[in-house]
Protein backbone atom coordinates (compact mmCIF):
# COMPACT_ATOMS: atom_id res chain seq x y z
CA SER A 1 -33.27 284.54 43.09
CA ARG A 2 -29.76 285.82 43.18
CA SER A 3 -27.54 285.17 40.17
CA ARG A 4 -23.79 284.77 40.67
CA ALA A 5 -22.76 284.28 37.01
CA GLY A 6 -20.93 287.57 36.87
CA ALA A 7 -18.02 287.79 34.44
CA PHE A 8 -18.61 284.22 33.48
CA ALA A 9 -22.10 284.77 32.10
CA PHE A 10 -20.73 285.86 28.65
CA PHE A 11 -19.66 282.35 27.99
CA SER A 12 -21.90 280.31 30.05
CA GLY A 13 -25.27 281.89 30.56
CA GLU A 14 -28.52 279.91 30.82
CA ARG A 15 -29.56 278.11 27.69
CA THR A 16 -32.76 279.14 26.02
CA ARG A 17 -33.14 275.64 24.70
CA SER A 18 -31.81 272.34 25.89
CA PRO A 19 -29.21 270.69 23.84
CA ALA A 20 -29.83 267.31 22.12
CA ALA A 21 -29.75 264.39 24.48
CA GLU A 22 -26.41 262.49 24.42
CA PRO A 23 -24.39 260.41 26.83
CA ALA A 24 -22.72 262.48 29.58
CA HIS A 25 -19.28 260.90 28.94
CA ALA A 26 -19.50 261.56 25.26
CA ARG A 27 -20.50 265.14 25.90
CA GLU A 28 -17.67 265.64 28.26
CA GLU A 29 -15.08 264.22 25.92
CA ASP A 30 -16.42 266.41 23.07
CA GLU A 31 -16.28 269.55 25.22
CA MET A 32 -12.71 268.74 26.57
CA GLU A 33 -11.46 268.20 23.02
CA GLY A 34 -12.59 271.61 22.07
CA SER A 35 -15.57 270.86 19.73
CA ILE A 36 -18.34 272.74 21.59
CA SER A 37 -20.85 273.14 18.89
CA SER A 38 -21.91 271.50 15.63
CA ARG A 39 -22.36 274.99 14.31
CA LYS A 40 -18.50 275.66 14.42
CA ARG A 41 -17.12 276.46 11.01
CA LYS A 42 -13.95 278.01 9.62
CA ARG A 43 -14.13 281.63 8.56
CA ASP A 44 -11.46 283.43 6.55
CA LYS A 45 -10.29 286.47 8.63
CA THR A 46 -6.85 286.94 6.94
CA ASN A 47 -8.00 289.83 4.65
CA LEU A 48 -9.52 291.74 7.50
CA ALA A 49 -7.80 294.54 9.55
CA PRO A 50 -6.76 293.33 13.07
CA GLU A 51 -9.49 295.24 14.78
CA PHE A 52 -12.15 293.74 12.51
CA GLN A 53 -10.59 290.22 13.06
CA LYS A 54 -11.20 290.85 16.76
CA CYS A 55 -14.73 291.82 16.11
CA LEU A 56 -15.35 288.74 13.87
CA GLY A 57 -13.81 286.58 16.64
CA LEU A 58 -16.37 288.08 19.15
CA VAL A 59 -19.22 287.41 16.81
CA ASN A 60 -18.16 283.79 16.31
CA ALA A 61 -17.73 283.20 20.00
CA ILE A 62 -21.38 284.24 20.56
CA GLN A 63 -22.59 282.24 17.68
CA LEU A 64 -21.21 279.09 19.12
CA ARG A 65 -23.28 279.51 22.27
CA GLU A 66 -26.42 277.39 22.87
CA ASP A 67 -28.27 280.47 24.26
CA ALA A 68 -27.58 282.55 21.11
CA ARG A 69 -29.75 280.40 18.84
CA ASP A 70 -32.52 282.94 18.72
CA PHE A 71 -29.99 285.54 17.38
CA LEU A 72 -28.30 283.73 14.64
CA GLU A 73 -30.52 284.63 11.71
CA PRO A 74 -33.23 287.29 10.88
CA VAL A 75 -36.43 286.96 12.68
CA ASP A 76 -38.96 285.43 10.35
CA TRP A 77 -41.87 287.31 11.75
CA LYS A 78 -44.33 286.14 9.01
CA ALA A 79 -43.74 282.48 9.67
CA LEU A 80 -43.90 282.93 13.45
CA GLY A 81 -47.13 285.00 13.22
CA LEU A 82 -45.60 288.04 14.86
CA VAL A 83 -47.55 290.57 12.92
CA THR A 84 -46.56 293.49 15.23
CA TYR A 85 -42.81 292.87 14.84
CA PRO A 86 -42.25 295.40 12.00
CA ASP A 87 -44.21 298.14 13.91
CA VAL A 88 -41.97 297.67 17.04
CA VAL A 89 -38.64 296.83 15.32
CA LYS A 90 -37.73 299.33 12.64
CA HIS A 91 -34.19 298.03 11.98
CA PRO A 92 -33.94 294.20 12.29
CA MET A 93 -30.51 292.85 12.92
CA ASP A 94 -29.04 289.37 13.77
CA LEU A 95 -25.56 287.83 14.17
CA GLY A 96 -25.46 286.20 10.78
CA THR A 97 -25.92 289.64 9.10
CA VAL A 98 -23.31 291.27 11.24
CA GLU A 99 -20.91 288.49 10.26
CA LYS A 100 -21.56 288.88 6.68
CA LYS A 101 -21.18 292.59 6.78
CA LEU A 102 -17.77 292.12 8.56
CA LEU A 103 -16.51 289.64 5.95
CA GLN A 104 -17.68 292.02 3.15
CA LYS A 105 -15.98 294.94 4.74
CA GLU A 106 -19.15 296.97 5.10
CA TYR A 107 -18.20 298.67 8.31
CA LYS A 108 -16.06 301.77 8.09
CA ASP A 109 -14.98 301.48 11.74
CA ILE A 110 -15.69 299.23 14.79
CA GLN A 111 -18.22 301.67 16.11
CA GLY A 112 -20.48 300.82 13.25
CA PHE A 113 -20.11 297.16 14.12
CA ALA A 114 -21.01 297.90 17.75
CA THR A 115 -24.04 299.72 16.78
CA ASP A 116 -25.43 296.70 14.94
CA MET A 117 -24.46 294.27 17.59
CA ARG A 118 -26.33 296.32 20.22
CA LEU A 119 -29.23 296.65 17.93
CA ILE A 120 -29.69 292.80 18.02
CA TRP A 121 -30.25 292.92 21.79
CA GLN A 122 -32.13 296.14 21.84
CA ASN A 123 -34.61 294.91 19.28
CA THR A 124 -35.23 291.76 21.39
CA MET A 125 -35.87 293.76 24.53
CA ALA A 126 -38.06 296.19 22.69
CA PHE A 127 -40.30 293.37 21.36
CA ASN A 128 -40.49 290.99 24.30
CA GLN A 129 -41.75 291.29 27.85
CA GLU A 130 -39.25 292.06 30.66
CA SER A 131 -40.37 288.93 32.48
CA SER A 132 -39.55 286.68 29.51
CA GLU A 133 -36.48 284.44 29.38
CA ILE A 134 -35.40 285.90 25.88
CA TYR A 135 -35.60 289.49 27.39
CA ARG A 136 -33.25 288.57 30.12
CA ASN A 137 -30.97 286.62 27.77
CA ALA A 138 -30.63 289.65 25.43
CA GLU A 139 -30.12 291.95 28.45
CA ALA A 140 -27.19 289.87 29.61
CA PHE A 141 -25.72 289.72 26.17
CA LEU A 142 -25.94 293.49 25.86
CA VAL A 143 -24.03 294.07 29.15
CA LEU A 144 -21.35 291.54 28.44
CA PHE A 145 -21.02 292.55 24.77
CA ASP A 146 -20.26 296.10 25.90
CA ARG A 147 -17.52 294.70 28.24
CA LYS A 148 -15.95 292.52 25.61
CA PHE A 149 -16.15 295.37 22.96
CA GLY A 150 -14.36 297.65 25.49
CA GLU A 151 -11.36 295.30 25.16
CA ILE A 152 -11.37 295.60 21.48
CA GLU A 153 -11.46 299.45 21.82
CA MET A 154 -8.40 299.15 24.09
CA PHE A 155 -6.65 297.02 21.49
CA VAL A 156 -7.27 299.71 18.76
CA GLU A 157 -6.01 302.50 21.19
CA ARG A 158 -2.84 300.43 21.85
CA ALA A 159 -2.27 299.80 18.16
CA LYS A 160 -2.61 303.63 17.40
CA GLU A 161 0.05 304.36 20.21
CA GLU A 162 2.41 301.76 18.92
CA ASN A 163 2.19 302.96 15.35
CA ALA A 164 2.48 306.53 16.17
CA PRO A 165 5.70 308.19 14.90
CA PRO A 166 8.20 308.90 17.71
CA PRO A 167 8.61 312.58 18.79
CA LYS A 168 11.44 314.43 17.13
CA LYS A 169 14.55 314.85 19.24
CA LYS A 170 16.71 317.82 19.23
CA ALA A 171 20.10 317.35 17.64
CA LYS A 172 22.97 317.00 20.26
CA SER A 173 26.54 317.66 19.69
CA LYS A 174 28.49 314.69 18.52
CA PRO A 175 30.65 313.33 21.39
CA SER A 176 34.38 312.86 21.03
CA GLU A 177 35.78 309.60 19.61
CA LYS A 178 37.34 308.74 22.92
CA ARG A 179 34.19 309.28 24.89
CA THR A 180 32.10 307.09 22.48
CA SER A 181 34.76 304.39 22.86
CA ASN A 182 34.52 304.62 26.73
CA VAL A 183 30.66 304.35 26.59
CA SER A 184 30.69 301.32 24.29
CA GLU A 185 33.20 299.61 26.52
CA LYS A 186 31.08 300.10 29.68
CA LYS A 187 28.03 298.88 27.85
CA SER A 188 29.87 295.78 26.66
CA GLU A 189 31.23 295.27 30.28
CA LYS A 190 27.70 295.44 31.64
CA LYS A 191 26.38 293.05 29.05
CA SER A 192 29.19 290.58 29.84
CA GLU A 193 28.44 290.93 33.57
CA LYS A 194 24.67 290.21 32.99
CA LYS A 195 25.55 287.14 30.87
CA SER A 196 27.98 285.77 33.67
CA LYS A 197 25.34 286.29 36.31
CA ALA A 198 22.64 284.47 34.39
CA SER A 199 23.63 280.77 34.83
CA PRO A 200 22.51 278.59 31.90
CA ALA A 201 22.56 275.64 34.16
CA LYS A 202 20.11 277.18 36.58
CA ALA A 203 17.69 278.02 33.68
CA ASP A 204 17.98 274.42 32.46
CA SER A 205 17.45 272.77 35.80
CA LEU A 206 14.30 274.90 36.52
CA GLY A 207 13.13 274.70 32.90
CA ILE A 208 12.57 271.01 33.04
CA TRP A 209 9.46 271.09 35.21
CA ARG A 210 8.47 274.54 34.09
CA LYS A 211 8.28 273.60 30.53
CA GLN A 212 6.00 270.69 31.54
CA CYS A 213 3.77 273.07 33.52
CA MET A 214 3.63 275.45 30.64
CA ASP A 215 2.58 272.58 28.41
CA ILE A 216 -0.34 271.81 30.75
CA ILE A 217 -1.43 275.46 30.67
CA ASN A 218 -1.16 275.77 26.91
CA PHE A 219 -3.22 272.49 26.51
CA ILE A 220 -6.08 274.06 28.63
CA LYS A 221 -5.86 277.42 26.98
CA ALA A 222 -6.53 275.77 23.56
CA LYS A 223 -9.91 274.58 24.84
CA PRO A 224 -12.70 277.02 23.76
CA GLU A 225 -14.26 276.81 27.20
CA ALA A 226 -11.16 278.08 28.85
CA ALA A 227 -11.72 281.53 27.48
CA ILE A 228 -13.44 282.59 30.80
CA PHE A 229 -10.39 281.64 32.84
CA LEU A 230 -7.67 283.45 30.79
CA GLU A 231 -7.81 286.87 32.31
CA PRO A 232 -8.62 288.23 35.84
CA VAL A 233 -12.20 288.66 36.74
CA PRO A 234 -13.04 292.49 36.53
CA TYR A 235 -14.70 292.61 39.85
CA ASP A 236 -13.43 296.18 40.48
CA THR A 237 -14.98 297.66 37.36
CA ASP A 238 -18.08 295.44 36.88
CA PRO A 239 -20.91 296.41 39.12
CA SER A 240 -22.47 293.12 38.81
CA LEU A 241 -19.40 291.50 40.52
CA ALA A 242 -19.37 293.85 43.42
CA ASP A 243 -19.61 290.84 45.93
CA TYR A 244 -17.01 288.68 44.12
CA LEU A 245 -14.53 289.08 46.95
CA THR A 246 -17.03 287.91 49.45
CA PHE A 247 -16.79 284.52 47.95
CA VAL A 248 -13.28 284.57 46.54
CA LYS A 249 -10.36 285.46 48.82
CA LYS A 250 -7.55 285.11 46.38
CA PRO A 251 -8.43 285.76 42.70
CA MET A 252 -6.49 283.93 40.10
CA ASP A 253 -6.49 283.22 36.37
CA LEU A 254 -4.50 281.22 33.81
CA GLY A 255 -2.87 284.36 32.21
CA THR A 256 -1.48 285.40 35.61
CA ILE A 257 -0.20 281.81 36.21
CA GLU A 258 1.53 281.83 32.81
CA LYS A 259 3.21 285.10 33.44
CA ASN A 260 4.41 283.85 36.87
CA LEU A 261 5.75 280.67 35.33
CA GLN A 262 7.66 282.71 32.66
CA LYS A 263 9.21 285.02 35.37
CA GLY A 264 10.20 282.04 37.49
CA LYS A 265 8.08 282.94 40.48
CA PHE A 266 7.07 279.34 41.24
CA LYS A 267 9.67 277.58 43.37
CA ASP A 268 8.38 274.02 42.62
CA PRO A 269 5.49 272.44 40.58
CA ASP A 270 3.38 272.15 43.77
CA LYS A 271 3.16 275.96 44.03
CA PHE A 272 2.08 276.16 40.43
CA ALA A 273 -0.48 273.42 40.91
CA ASP A 274 -1.92 275.29 43.96
CA ASP A 275 -2.52 278.37 41.86
CA VAL A 276 -4.11 276.37 39.04
CA ARG A 277 -6.45 274.66 41.52
CA LEU A 278 -7.47 278.06 42.84
CA VAL A 279 -8.79 279.15 39.38
CA TRP A 280 -11.31 276.23 39.33
CA GLN A 281 -12.17 276.53 43.14
CA ASN A 282 -12.80 280.28 42.84
CA ALA A 283 -15.21 279.72 39.86
CA MET A 284 -17.01 276.99 41.69
CA ALA A 285 -17.21 279.11 44.89
CA PHE A 286 -18.74 282.10 43.10
CA ASN A 287 -21.05 280.25 40.66
CA MET A 288 -24.09 278.16 41.42
CA GLU A 289 -23.64 274.34 41.28
CA ASP A 290 -26.29 274.09 38.62
CA SER A 291 -24.65 276.68 36.36
CA GLU A 292 -22.52 275.72 33.18
CA VAL A 293 -19.49 277.65 34.38
CA TYR A 294 -19.49 275.47 37.57
CA ALA A 295 -19.63 272.34 35.51
CA VAL A 296 -16.94 273.50 33.12
CA ALA A 297 -14.51 274.44 36.08
CA LYS A 298 -15.17 271.05 37.62
CA LYS A 299 -14.29 269.35 34.34
CA PHE A 300 -11.15 271.40 33.94
CA GLU A 301 -10.25 270.53 37.61
CA GLU A 302 -10.40 266.90 36.79
CA LEU A 303 -8.51 267.37 33.59
CA PHE A 304 -5.68 269.32 35.35
CA GLU A 305 -5.32 266.70 38.01
CA ARG A 306 -4.87 264.04 35.44
CA LYS A 307 -2.25 266.05 33.69
CA PHE A 308 -0.37 267.04 36.82
CA LYS A 309 -0.47 263.44 38.11
CA LYS A 310 1.49 262.42 34.89
CA LEU A 311 3.89 265.34 35.51
CA THR A 312 4.63 264.22 39.04
CA LYS A 313 5.24 260.67 37.96
CA MET A 314 7.70 261.75 35.28
CA MET A 315 9.48 264.13 37.67
CA GLU A 316 9.83 261.26 40.18
CA ALA A 317 11.27 259.01 37.58
CA GLU A 318 13.65 261.81 36.41
CA GLY A 319 14.66 262.38 40.04
CA ASN A 320 15.39 258.69 40.51
CA LYS A 321 17.49 258.72 37.38
CA MET A 322 19.36 261.86 38.44
CA LYS A 323 20.11 260.40 41.81
CA LYS A 324 21.68 257.26 40.10
CA ASP A 325 23.68 259.55 37.67
CA ARG A 326 25.01 261.65 40.60
CA GLU A 327 26.17 258.53 42.57
CA GLN A 328 27.80 257.19 39.26
CA PHE A 329 29.59 260.45 38.71
CA VAL A 330 30.87 260.62 42.29
CA ASN A 331 32.22 257.16 42.15
CA ILE A 332 33.94 257.76 38.82
CA LEU A 333 35.50 260.95 40.14
CA ARG A 334 36.85 259.22 43.18
CA GLY A 335 38.59 256.62 41.11
CA MET A 336 39.74 258.96 38.37
CA ASP A 337 43.64 259.45 37.78
CA ASP A 338 43.34 261.07 34.37
CA ASN A 339 44.23 264.75 34.85
CA GLU A 340 43.39 265.73 31.37
CA LYS A 341 39.96 264.25 31.59
CA MET A 342 39.50 265.79 35.04
CA GLY A 343 40.30 269.20 33.61
CA GLU A 344 37.80 268.69 30.86
CA LEU A 345 35.06 267.96 33.36
CA VAL A 346 35.99 270.98 35.57
CA VAL A 347 35.80 273.32 32.52
CA MET A 348 32.32 271.95 31.59
CA ILE A 349 31.09 272.52 35.08
CA GLN A 350 32.63 275.87 35.37
CA LYS A 351 30.95 276.89 32.06
CA ASN A 352 27.48 275.46 32.67
CA CYS A 353 27.14 275.29 36.48
CA PRO A 354 29.40 277.92 38.12
CA GLU A 355 27.47 277.67 41.36
CA ALA A 356 28.41 273.94 41.73
CA MET A 357 32.12 274.92 42.05
CA GLU A 358 33.88 276.26 45.05
CA MET A 359 37.62 277.25 45.28
CA LYS A 360 39.35 276.44 48.49
CA GLN A 361 42.65 277.57 49.75
CA GLY A 362 45.57 275.97 48.12
CA LYS A 363 43.87 275.82 44.74
CA GLU A 364 41.62 273.03 45.99
CA ILE A 365 38.38 272.71 43.99
CA VAL A 366 35.21 271.40 45.56
CA ILE A 367 32.39 270.16 43.19
CA GLN A 368 28.90 270.21 44.68
CA VAL A 369 27.34 267.52 42.43
CA GLY A 370 23.82 268.28 43.86
CA LYS A 371 23.94 271.77 42.09
CA ILE A 372 24.72 270.27 38.68
CA ASP A 373 21.57 270.29 36.28
CA VAL A 374 20.31 267.21 34.62
CA LYS A 375 21.60 267.81 31.08
CA THR A 376 25.08 268.84 32.16
CA LEU A 377 25.20 265.73 34.63
CA GLU A 378 24.32 263.45 31.77
CA LYS A 379 27.13 264.87 29.58
CA LEU A 380 29.60 264.66 32.42
CA VAL A 381 28.78 261.05 33.18
CA LYS A 382 29.37 260.08 29.47
CA ILE A 383 32.73 261.89 29.39
CA ALA A 384 33.80 260.54 32.71
CA ALA A 385 32.82 256.97 31.87
CA SER A 386 34.35 257.01 28.31
CA GLU A 387 37.66 255.23 27.84
């Protein structure tokens, strides 16, 4: 039968053994709170080089999987009666041994680590029949380990480039004092222009719901099961995902959504929610209904809808409050005869919300209350209402 686990298989392949029976609701709560395995334990990575911290993180991620149970410890071939095992497997290896070697700094470089990791899966495939479940499991781990290890290699390369000394530049003649002054003046003028263009009010008014959306993303990202949704699916580089676009018309991932939020590409929370929903819908469209990744996507979908519903209710309440504040502010302005206080309000609006002010002929000022952000409006109401 055709498997569509693809890029998700690394985190959610078939289990070699069934987990202990427990109530479905308890299991769901446990998963969504991030405790995905009773084998989870803290490990000190602080004294390891960054690249080896990445390697240890990869080992630990695999150890937490239910289908990795057969690879956690050395094969006890005597107890299992596997008398031919030493003849077939000349260099036994397991995840626990690799972890120990990492913590004891026995690897000179990450390639030594990769050699031992591949040895675990290669030994399994050498000793077991191709038709066996454990053989298929090891084969999947080997392919997906190579993909994840490729990311670590890229990390190391980027670190080398960043730490490389900059190329030496040829000495240039020192410019005159006058020219230096002009250049610095132009730079300062450009900086001041940029500052004036960036309206703090606009950032604040948009930041209210964006911050809430970012909180939802960060909450989901903190879940161990969310790792499969953090980056784009590598359908263009992974041959096993060649048919991905047949099932998924618009790829989406949490990392892309986070970047778009930071860049202000979402006009409103609904556009944000559409993209988040797409992450789960794509995963469920590409993976079989009985697969673990389908189940995880479904749970995240339900979790997101609960969180987003709270956000929409909060925004609705804030919208109602803002409407009342605007009406109150307009009524106060209409009856205000204190020129000094009026001047204070105008200065605050001009400073925080320049787009809310419009100068008419005859020095008439028009204030567009609808363009004033929440925080500034609250301050204006307090000042206007004070005696």
